[in-house]
Amino acid sequence: MLEFDASQIQAVQALNELSFVERVRLELLRDQPELGAQPDLAQRMLRALRVAQQWGVDDKLMGEFIRLEAAAPGFHEQPAVKAWITRPGRSASQRFADYLCLVRWRGRAQGANKE
């Protein structure tokens, strides 16, 4: 049986993160090619992934978290967003899911007002 030391495990985790971010980035570019004009997109998405991990966002919401970073650069750096998601009482995943619902609702409302 193979045994890995801490640095090897860390290297594998970093590779998995990069691979995940790249898959999500390619999906986004397929659906929204205009995002390809952002040269720092992959780096921003990777930073957002690490923030989400640090905050305790569940794996099942990681894709949504980094997609939102692509659409709204630096959203997670806003003090109100950070305070809400990291606030005690509910999990970061629950709070992020609530935030995502609010963002989508506002997007639909703004879209309806334009028509």
Protein backbone atom coordinates (compact mmCIF):
# COMPACT_ATOMS: atom_id res chain seq x y z
CA MET A 1 0.00 0.00 0.00
CA LEU A 2 1.24 3.46 -0.88
CA GLU A 3 1.83 5.95 1.86
CA PHE A 4 2.16 9.66 1.26
CA ASP A 5 3.87 12.21 3.43
CA ALA A 6 2.23 15.54 4.26
CA SER A 7 3.84 17.43 1.37
CA GLN A 8 2.70 14.81 -1.15
CA ILE A 9 -0.85 14.92 0.18
CA GLN A 10 -0.78 18.72 -0.03
CA ALA A 11 0.47 18.54 -3.63
CA VAL A 12 -2.35 16.16 -4.60
CA GLN A 13 -4.93 18.42 -2.94
CA ALA A 14 -3.55 21.46 -4.79
CA LEU A 15 -3.73 19.56 -8.07
CA ASN A 16 -7.34 18.56 -7.34
CA GLU A 17 -8.21 22.20 -6.62
CA LEU A 18 -6.61 23.39 -9.85
CA SER A 19 -8.38 20.69 -11.82
CA PHE A 20 -11.75 21.55 -10.28
CA VAL A 21 -11.32 25.27 -10.96
CA GLU A 22 -10.28 24.57 -14.55
CA ARG A 23 -13.33 22.36 -15.19
CA VAL A 24 -15.68 25.02 -13.83
CA ARG A 25 -13.84 27.76 -15.77
CA LEU A 26 -14.17 25.83 -19.03
CA GLU A 27 -17.90 25.29 -18.41
CA LEU A 28 -18.31 29.01 -17.80
CA LEU A 29 -16.40 29.91 -20.95
CA ARG A 30 -18.54 27.54 -22.98
CA ASP A 31 -21.70 29.24 -21.70
CA GLN A 32 -20.31 32.79 -21.39
CA PRO A 33 -17.38 33.24 -23.79
CA GLU A 34 -17.05 36.92 -22.87
CA LEU A 35 -15.52 35.84 -19.54
CA GLY A 36 -12.48 34.71 -21.52
CA ALA A 37 -11.42 38.36 -21.71
CA GLN A 38 -10.54 38.24 -18.01
CA PRO A 39 -6.91 37.09 -17.88
CA ASP A 40 -6.97 36.59 -14.10
CA LEU A 41 -10.18 34.54 -14.03
CA ALA A 42 -8.59 31.21 -13.06
CA GLN A 43 -6.50 32.80 -10.31
CA ARG A 44 -9.53 34.64 -8.89
CA MET A 45 -11.59 31.47 -8.94
CA LEU A 46 -8.84 29.55 -7.15
CA ARG A 47 -8.59 32.24 -4.46
CA ALA A 48 -12.37 32.16 -4.04
CA LEU A 49 -12.28 28.37 -3.72
CA ARG A 50 -9.75 28.64 -0.92
CA VAL A 51 -11.82 31.31 0.85
CA ALA A 52 -14.89 29.09 0.63
CA GLN A 53 -12.92 26.19 2.07
CA GLN A 54 -11.60 28.37 4.87
CA TRP A 55 -15.12 29.56 5.73
CA GLY A 56 -16.43 26.00 5.74
CA VAL A 57 -18.64 26.07 2.65
CA ASP A 58 -19.62 22.50 1.68
CA ASP A 59 -18.09 20.89 -1.38
CA LYS A 60 -21.49 20.75 -3.09
CA LEU A 61 -21.61 24.58 -3.13
CA MET A 62 -17.98 25.19 -4.15
CA GLY A 63 -18.84 25.34 -7.84
CA GLU A 64 -21.50 27.96 -7.19
CA PHE A 65 -19.11 29.96 -5.03
CA ILE A 66 -16.43 30.16 -7.71
CA ARG A 67 -18.98 30.76 -10.48
CA LEU A 68 -20.22 33.74 -8.51
CA GLU A 69 -16.62 34.98 -8.27
CA ALA A 70 -16.44 34.86 -12.07
CA ALA A 71 -19.63 36.91 -12.39
CA ALA A 72 -18.99 39.28 -9.48
CA PRO A 73 -15.23 39.63 -8.92
CA GLY A 74 -14.31 39.94 -5.27
CA PHE A 75 -17.84 39.45 -3.96
CA HIS A 76 -16.49 37.46 -1.02
CA GLU A 77 -14.16 40.31 -0.05
CA GLN A 78 -17.04 42.65 0.73
CA PRO A 79 -17.23 43.09 4.50
CA ALA A 80 -21.01 42.55 4.60
CA VAL A 81 -20.77 39.29 2.65
CA LYS A 82 -17.96 37.96 4.81
CA ALA A 83 -19.77 38.97 8.01
CA TRP A 84 -22.98 37.28 6.86
CA ILE A 85 -21.46 34.00 5.69
CA THR A 86 -19.12 33.61 8.68
CA ARG A 87 -21.68 34.74 11.26
CA PRO A 88 -22.29 32.18 14.03
CA GLY A 89 -25.61 30.40 14.34
CA ARG A 90 -25.85 28.66 10.97
CA SER A 91 -23.32 26.94 8.79
CA ALA A 92 -21.40 28.86 6.15
CA SER A 93 -23.04 26.63 3.53
CA GLN A 94 -26.54 27.53 4.70
CA ARG A 95 -25.72 31.20 4.76
CA PHE A 96 -24.06 31.07 1.33
CA ALA A 97 -27.10 29.23 -0.08
CA ASP A 98 -29.31 32.01 1.31
CA TYR A 99 -27.01 34.65 -0.19
CA LEU A 100 -27.08 32.87 -3.55
CA CYS A 101 -30.89 32.82 -3.51
CA LEU A 102 -30.91 36.55 -2.83
CA VAL A 103 -28.44 37.25 -5.65
CA ARG A 104 -30.52 35.19 -8.10
CA TRP A 105 -33.76 36.83 -6.97
CA ARG A 106 -32.26 40.29 -7.47
CA GLY A 107 -30.98 39.26 -10.89
CA ARG A 108 -34.46 38.11 -11.94
CA ALA A 109 -36.04 41.25 -10.52
CA GLN A 110 -33.60 43.49 -12.38
CA GLY A 111 -34.19 41.51 -15.57
CA ALA A 112 -37.95 41.95 -15.22
CA ASN A 113 -37.55 45.71 -14.71
CA LYS A 114 -35.61 46.02 -17.97
CA GLU A 115 -38.45 44.54 -20.02
